[in-house]
Amino acid sequence: SAMLANDGADVYSVDIDSIYLMRRGKMLPSDIDVETACRKSRVIVTGVPTKDYKLPTEWVQPGTVVLNVSHYKNVDEEELLKIDG
């Protein structure tokens, strides 16, 4: 994420109780919510370590790349494949 931010991308880092915006080497507190961050993103990486979490696919824009790095499936793959792109 730091490499993307250093190359000019806005990167949102979401934790259980905070959201930060990484921009050009700086970590800035952000006041947007998770839904807005997802809708603005063209790449979404999930890594939530619980089987109960699923990324709402209605937050994913057409053409967005979604990558799950959690041991658990954070994404409903069948629903995700219904999105254009």
N, C-alpha and C. Protein backbone atom coordinates (compact mmCIF):
# COMPACT_ATOMS: atom_id res chain seq x y z
N SER A 1 0.81 -1.19 0.00
CA SER A 1 0.00 0.00 0.00
C SER A 1 0.86 1.26 0.00
N ALA A 2 1.98 1.21 0.71
CA ALA A 2 2.86 2.38 0.74
C ALA A 2 3.44 2.66 -0.65
N MET A 3 3.77 1.61 -1.38
CA MET A 3 4.31 1.81 -2.73
C MET A 3 3.27 2.46 -3.63
N LEU A 4 2.03 2.03 -3.56
CA LEU A 4 0.97 2.64 -4.36
C LEU A 4 0.77 4.10 -3.98
N ALA A 5 0.76 4.39 -2.68
CA ALA A 5 0.58 5.76 -2.22
C ALA A 5 1.75 6.64 -2.67
N ASN A 6 2.95 6.11 -2.61
CA ASN A 6 4.12 6.88 -3.04
C ASN A 6 4.11 7.15 -4.54
N ASP A 7 3.40 6.30 -5.29
CA ASP A 7 3.29 6.49 -6.74
C ASP A 7 2.08 7.33 -7.12
N GLY A 8 1.40 7.91 -6.12
CA GLY A 8 0.31 8.83 -6.42
C GLY A 8 -1.09 8.34 -6.13
N ALA A 9 -1.24 7.07 -5.74
CA ALA A 9 -2.57 6.55 -5.43
C ALA A 9 -3.02 7.00 -4.05
N ASP A 10 -4.31 7.19 -3.88
CA ASP A 10 -4.89 7.37 -2.55
C ASP A 10 -5.22 5.98 -2.03
N VAL A 11 -4.69 5.63 -0.87
CA VAL A 11 -4.89 4.31 -0.29
C VAL A 11 -5.59 4.46 1.05
N TYR A 12 -6.73 3.81 1.19
CA TYR A 12 -7.45 3.84 2.46
C TYR A 12 -7.09 2.58 3.25
N SER A 13 -6.72 2.77 4.49
CA SER A 13 -6.41 1.67 5.39
C SER A 13 -7.51 1.63 6.44
N VAL A 14 -8.25 0.52 6.46
CA VAL A 14 -9.41 0.40 7.35
C VAL A 14 -9.12 -0.62 8.43
N ASP A 15 -9.31 -0.21 9.67
CA ASP A 15 -9.17 -1.10 10.81
C ASP A 15 -10.51 -1.13 11.54
N ILE A 16 -10.59 -1.87 12.60
CA ILE A 16 -11.86 -2.04 13.30
C ILE A 16 -12.45 -0.73 13.81
N ASP A 17 -11.59 0.24 14.14
CA ASP A 17 -12.11 1.49 14.71
C ASP A 17 -11.54 2.75 14.07
N SER A 18 -10.92 2.61 12.91
CA SER A 18 -10.35 3.80 12.27
C SER A 18 -10.16 3.60 10.77
N ILE A 19 -10.09 4.72 10.06
CA ILE A 19 -9.77 4.72 8.63
C ILE A 19 -8.71 5.79 8.42
N TYR A 20 -7.63 5.40 7.75
CA TYR A 20 -6.58 6.34 7.42
C TYR A 20 -6.43 6.43 5.91
N LEU A 21 -6.02 7.59 5.45
CA LEU A 21 -5.72 7.81 4.05
C LEU A 21 -4.21 7.92 3.92
N MET A 22 -3.62 7.04 3.13
CA MET A 22 -2.20 7.12 2.83
C MET A 22 -2.06 7.88 1.52
N ARG A 23 -1.31 8.97 1.57
CA ARG A 23 -1.14 9.79 0.38
C ARG A 23 0.27 10.36 0.37
N ARG A 24 1.02 9.99 -0.69
CA ARG A 24 2.38 10.51 -0.89
C ARG A 24 3.24 10.45 0.36
N GLY A 25 3.30 9.26 0.96
CA GLY A 25 4.18 9.03 2.10
C GLY A 25 3.64 9.49 3.44
N LYS A 26 2.42 9.99 3.47
CA LYS A 26 1.84 10.45 4.73
C LYS A 26 0.61 9.63 5.08
N MET A 27 0.45 9.35 6.37
CA MET A 27 -0.73 8.64 6.87
C MET A 27 -1.62 9.67 7.56
N LEU A 28 -2.78 9.92 6.96
CA LEU A 28 -3.67 10.97 7.44
C LEU A 28 -4.98 10.37 7.96
N PRO A 29 -5.47 10.81 9.11
CA PRO A 29 -6.78 10.34 9.56
C PRO A 29 -7.85 10.72 8.53
N SER A 30 -8.82 9.85 8.34
CA SER A 30 -9.87 10.10 7.36
C SER A 30 -11.23 10.04 8.05
N ASP A 31 -12.14 10.90 7.61
CA ASP A 31 -13.47 10.89 8.21
C ASP A 31 -14.52 10.25 7.32
N ILE A 32 -14.10 9.61 6.22
CA ILE A 32 -15.08 8.91 5.39
C ILE A 32 -15.36 7.54 5.99
N ASP A 33 -16.47 6.94 5.59
CA ASP A 33 -16.80 5.61 6.11
C ASP A 33 -16.30 4.53 5.15
N VAL A 34 -16.41 3.29 5.58
CA VAL A 34 -15.89 2.16 4.80
C VAL A 34 -16.61 2.06 3.45
N GLU A 35 -17.90 2.25 3.43
CA GLU A 35 -18.64 2.17 2.17
C GLU A 35 -18.12 3.19 1.16
N THR A 36 -17.93 4.41 1.58
CA THR A 36 -17.44 5.46 0.68
C THR A 36 -16.03 5.13 0.19
N ALA A 37 -15.18 4.66 1.08
CA ALA A 37 -13.82 4.28 0.69
C ALA A 37 -13.85 3.18 -0.37
N CYS A 38 -14.71 2.19 -0.18
CA CYS A 38 -14.82 1.09 -1.15
C CYS A 38 -15.34 1.60 -2.49
N ARG A 39 -16.36 2.43 -2.46
CA ARG A 39 -16.94 2.94 -3.70
C ARG A 39 -15.96 3.80 -4.49
N LYS A 40 -15.02 4.46 -3.80
CA LYS A 40 -14.04 5.31 -4.46
C LYS A 40 -12.84 4.51 -4.97
N SER A 41 -12.73 3.25 -4.57
CA SER A 41 -11.53 2.45 -4.84
C SER A 41 -11.63 1.65 -6.12
N ARG A 42 -10.51 1.48 -6.77
CA ARG A 42 -10.41 0.64 -7.96
C ARG A 42 -9.72 -0.68 -7.65
N VAL A 43 -9.13 -0.76 -6.46
CA VAL A 43 -8.55 -1.99 -5.94
C VAL A 43 -8.98 -2.10 -4.48
N ILE A 44 -9.55 -3.24 -4.10
CA ILE A 44 -9.96 -3.48 -2.72
C ILE A 44 -9.28 -4.76 -2.26
N VAL A 45 -8.55 -4.67 -1.16
CA VAL A 45 -7.89 -5.84 -0.57
C VAL A 45 -8.54 -6.09 0.78
N THR A 46 -9.10 -7.30 0.95
CA THR A 46 -9.70 -7.65 2.23
C THR A 46 -8.79 -8.63 2.96
N GLY A 47 -8.79 -8.54 4.27
CA GLY A 47 -7.99 -9.44 5.09
C GLY A 47 -8.57 -9.56 6.48
N VAL A 48 -9.89 -9.65 6.56
CA VAL A 48 -10.58 -9.69 7.85
C VAL A 48 -10.52 -11.13 8.39
N PRO A 49 -9.93 -11.31 9.58
CA PRO A 49 -9.70 -12.66 10.09
C PRO A 49 -10.90 -13.27 10.82
N THR A 50 -12.05 -13.23 10.18
CA THR A 50 -13.24 -13.86 10.75
C THR A 50 -14.15 -14.36 9.64
N LYS A 51 -14.81 -15.47 9.88
CA LYS A 51 -15.71 -16.04 8.87
C LYS A 51 -17.01 -15.26 8.75
N ASP A 52 -17.30 -14.39 9.72
CA ASP A 52 -18.56 -13.65 9.72
C ASP A 52 -18.56 -12.41 8.84
N TYR A 53 -17.38 -11.94 8.39
CA TYR A 53 -17.34 -10.72 7.59
C TYR A 53 -17.45 -11.04 6.10
N LYS A 54 -18.29 -10.28 5.41
CA LYS A 54 -18.39 -10.33 3.94
C LYS A 54 -18.42 -8.90 3.43
N LEU A 55 -17.58 -8.59 2.47
CA LEU A 55 -17.60 -7.29 1.82
C LEU A 55 -18.92 -7.15 1.06
N PRO A 56 -19.70 -6.12 1.35
CA PRO A 56 -20.95 -5.93 0.59
C PRO A 56 -20.62 -5.65 -0.88
N THR A 57 -21.06 -6.51 -1.77
CA THR A 57 -20.70 -6.37 -3.18
C THR A 57 -21.33 -5.14 -3.82
N GLU A 58 -22.40 -4.60 -3.22
CA GLU A 58 -22.98 -3.37 -3.78
C GLU A 58 -22.05 -2.17 -3.60
N TRP A 59 -21.02 -2.30 -2.79
CA TRP A 59 -20.03 -1.24 -2.61
C TRP A 59 -18.95 -1.29 -3.68
N VAL A 60 -18.89 -2.37 -4.46
CA VAL A 60 -17.82 -2.58 -5.45
C VAL A 60 -18.26 -2.03 -6.80
N GLN A 61 -17.47 -1.12 -7.35
CA GLN A 61 -17.78 -0.51 -8.64
C GLN A 61 -17.34 -1.42 -9.79
N PRO A 62 -18.00 -1.33 -10.94
CA PRO A 62 -17.57 -2.11 -12.11
C PRO A 62 -16.09 -1.85 -12.43
N GLY A 63 -15.38 -2.91 -12.74
CA GLY A 63 -13.96 -2.80 -13.10
C GLY A 63 -13.01 -2.82 -11.92
N THR A 64 -13.54 -2.86 -10.70
CA THR A 64 -12.69 -2.86 -9.51
C THR A 64 -12.09 -4.26 -9.30
N VAL A 65 -10.82 -4.29 -8.95
CA VAL A 65 -10.14 -5.54 -8.62
C VAL A 65 -10.33 -5.78 -7.12
N VAL A 66 -10.80 -6.98 -6.76
CA VAL A 66 -10.99 -7.34 -5.36
C VAL A 66 -10.11 -8.54 -5.06
N LEU A 67 -9.28 -8.38 -4.03
CA LEU A 67 -8.34 -9.42 -3.64
C LEU A 67 -8.54 -9.74 -2.16
N ASN A 68 -8.82 -10.99 -1.86
CA ASN A 68 -8.98 -11.42 -0.48
C ASN A 68 -7.70 -12.12 -0.03
N VAL A 69 -7.09 -11.62 1.05
CA VAL A 69 -5.87 -12.24 1.57
C VAL A 69 -6.12 -12.90 2.93
N SER A 70 -7.38 -12.98 3.33
CA SER A 70 -7.73 -13.63 4.59
C SER A 70 -7.86 -15.14 4.38
N HIS A 71 -7.65 -15.87 5.45
CA HIS A 71 -7.89 -17.31 5.42
C HIS A 71 -9.37 -17.59 5.17
N TYR A 72 -10.22 -16.66 5.60
CA TYR A 72 -11.66 -16.78 5.41
C TYR A 72 -12.10 -16.06 4.14
N LYS A 73 -13.20 -16.50 3.57
CA LYS A 73 -13.73 -15.84 2.38
C LYS A 73 -14.46 -14.57 2.78
N ASN A 74 -13.81 -13.43 2.58
CA ASN A 74 -14.39 -12.13 2.91
C ASN A 74 -15.30 -11.61 1.81
N VAL A 75 -15.42 -12.35 0.71
CA VAL A 75 -16.18 -11.90 -0.45
C VAL A 75 -17.04 -13.04 -0.95
N ASP A 76 -18.29 -12.73 -1.29
CA ASP A 76 -19.16 -13.71 -1.94
C ASP A 76 -18.78 -13.70 -3.42
N GLU A 77 -18.01 -14.69 -3.83
CA GLU A 77 -17.47 -14.71 -5.19
C GLU A 77 -18.54 -14.75 -6.26
N GLU A 78 -19.61 -15.48 -6.02
CA GLU A 78 -20.70 -15.56 -7.01
C GLU A 78 -21.33 -14.19 -7.24
N GLU A 79 -21.57 -13.45 -6.16
CA GLU A 79 -22.14 -12.11 -6.29
C GLU A 79 -21.13 -11.15 -6.94
N LEU A 80 -19.87 -11.28 -6.60
CA LEU A 80 -18.84 -10.41 -7.15
C LEU A 80 -18.73 -10.60 -8.67
N LEU A 81 -18.87 -11.82 -9.14
CA LEU A 81 -18.77 -12.10 -10.57
C LEU A 81 -19.93 -11.52 -11.38
N LYS A 82 -21.00 -11.10 -10.72
CA LYS A 82 -22.14 -10.49 -11.39
C LYS A 82 -21.89 -9.02 -11.73
N ILE A 83 -20.82 -8.44 -11.16
CA ILE A 83 -20.50 -7.04 -11.41
C ILE A 83 -19.72 -6.93 -12.72
N ASP A 84 -20.08 -5.97 -13.57
CA ASP A 84 -19.38 -5.78 -14.84
C ASP A 84 -17.90 -5.50 -14.60
N GLY A 85 -17.09 -6.01 -15.53
CA GLY A 85 -15.66 -5.72 -15.48
C GLY A 85 -14.90 -6.83 -14.91
